[in-house]
Amino acid sequence: MPAYRSGMKQLVSSFAGLRSDERGATAIEYALIAGFISIAIVTAATQIGVNLVKLFSGILPGLEGS
């Protein structure tokens, strides 16, 4: 058997092993979930900040008048 055939067999068998290995797919799924959660946290924190600014902007005139 020529040497290149042996190398091709090894390459094909290692690709077959990668296809059955799901650790990479699981890591990507967890990374996507973490990304979506962090986007939700940033969005919620931004909205809370905007609401707090509005609240304190409404209170400030009352405090200045006293």
Protein backbone atom coordinates (compact mmCIF):
# COMPACT_ATOMS: atom_id res chain seq x y z
CA MET A 1 0.00 0.00 0.00
CA PRO A 2 1.44 3.41 -0.94
CA ALA A 3 2.30 5.82 1.86
CA TYR A 4 -0.27 8.41 0.79
CA ARG A 5 -3.09 5.89 1.20
CA SER A 6 -2.05 5.21 4.76
CA GLY A 7 -2.04 8.94 5.46
CA MET A 8 -5.48 9.33 3.86
CA LYS A 9 -6.83 6.51 6.01
CA GLN A 10 -5.55 8.25 9.13
CA LEU A 11 -7.06 11.56 8.00
CA VAL A 12 -10.45 9.99 7.29
CA SER A 13 -10.47 8.13 10.60
CA SER A 14 -9.59 11.29 12.55
CA PHE A 15 -12.41 13.21 10.80
CA ALA A 16 -14.80 10.38 11.66
CA GLY A 17 -13.70 10.66 15.30
CA LEU A 18 -14.34 14.40 15.25
CA ARG A 19 -17.83 13.89 13.92
CA SER A 20 -18.75 11.59 16.80
CA ASP A 21 -17.15 13.93 19.39
CA GLU A 22 -19.83 16.38 20.57
CA ARG A 23 -17.76 18.31 23.14
CA GLY A 24 -17.09 21.14 20.69
CA ALA A 25 -20.77 21.49 19.84
CA THR A 26 -21.68 21.56 23.52
CA ALA A 27 -19.10 24.25 24.20
CA ILE A 28 -20.49 26.37 21.37
CA GLU A 29 -24.03 25.93 22.71
CA TYR A 30 -22.95 27.05 26.18
CA ALA A 31 -21.11 30.03 24.68
CA LEU A 32 -24.25 31.07 22.80
CA ILE A 33 -26.39 30.74 25.92
CA ALA A 34 -23.88 32.81 27.93
CA GLY A 35 -23.84 35.42 25.18
CA PHE A 36 -27.61 35.74 25.11
CA ILE A 37 -27.78 35.96 28.90
CA SER A 38 -25.14 38.71 28.95
CA ILE A 39 -27.03 40.65 26.26
CA ALA A 40 -30.19 40.39 28.37
CA ILE A 41 -28.34 41.59 31.49
CA VAL A 42 -26.83 44.59 29.67
CA THR A 43 -30.21 45.50 28.17
CA ALA A 44 -31.96 45.26 31.55
CA ALA A 45 -29.24 47.27 33.32
CA THR A 46 -29.40 49.98 30.68
CA GLN A 47 -33.17 50.22 30.99
CA ILE A 48 -32.98 50.39 34.78
CA GLY A 49 -30.38 53.17 34.47
CA VAL A 50 -32.61 55.17 32.13
CA ASN A 51 -35.57 54.79 34.50
CA LEU A 52 -33.45 55.89 37.49
CA VAL A 53 -32.31 59.01 35.64
CA LYS A 54 -35.94 59.88 34.88
CA LEU A 55 -36.92 59.28 38.51
CA PHE A 56 -34.18 61.45 39.99
CA SER A 57 -34.69 64.13 37.35
CA GLY A 58 -38.30 64.38 38.56
CA ILE A 59 -37.26 64.55 42.23
CA LEU A 60 -34.53 67.17 41.75
CA PRO A 61 -36.83 70.19 41.15
CA GLY A 62 -38.69 69.41 44.37
CA LEU A 63 -35.46 69.30 46.34
CA GLU A 64 -34.18 72.57 44.84
CA GLY A 65 -37.37 74.41 45.81
CA SER A 66 -37.08 73.62 49.53
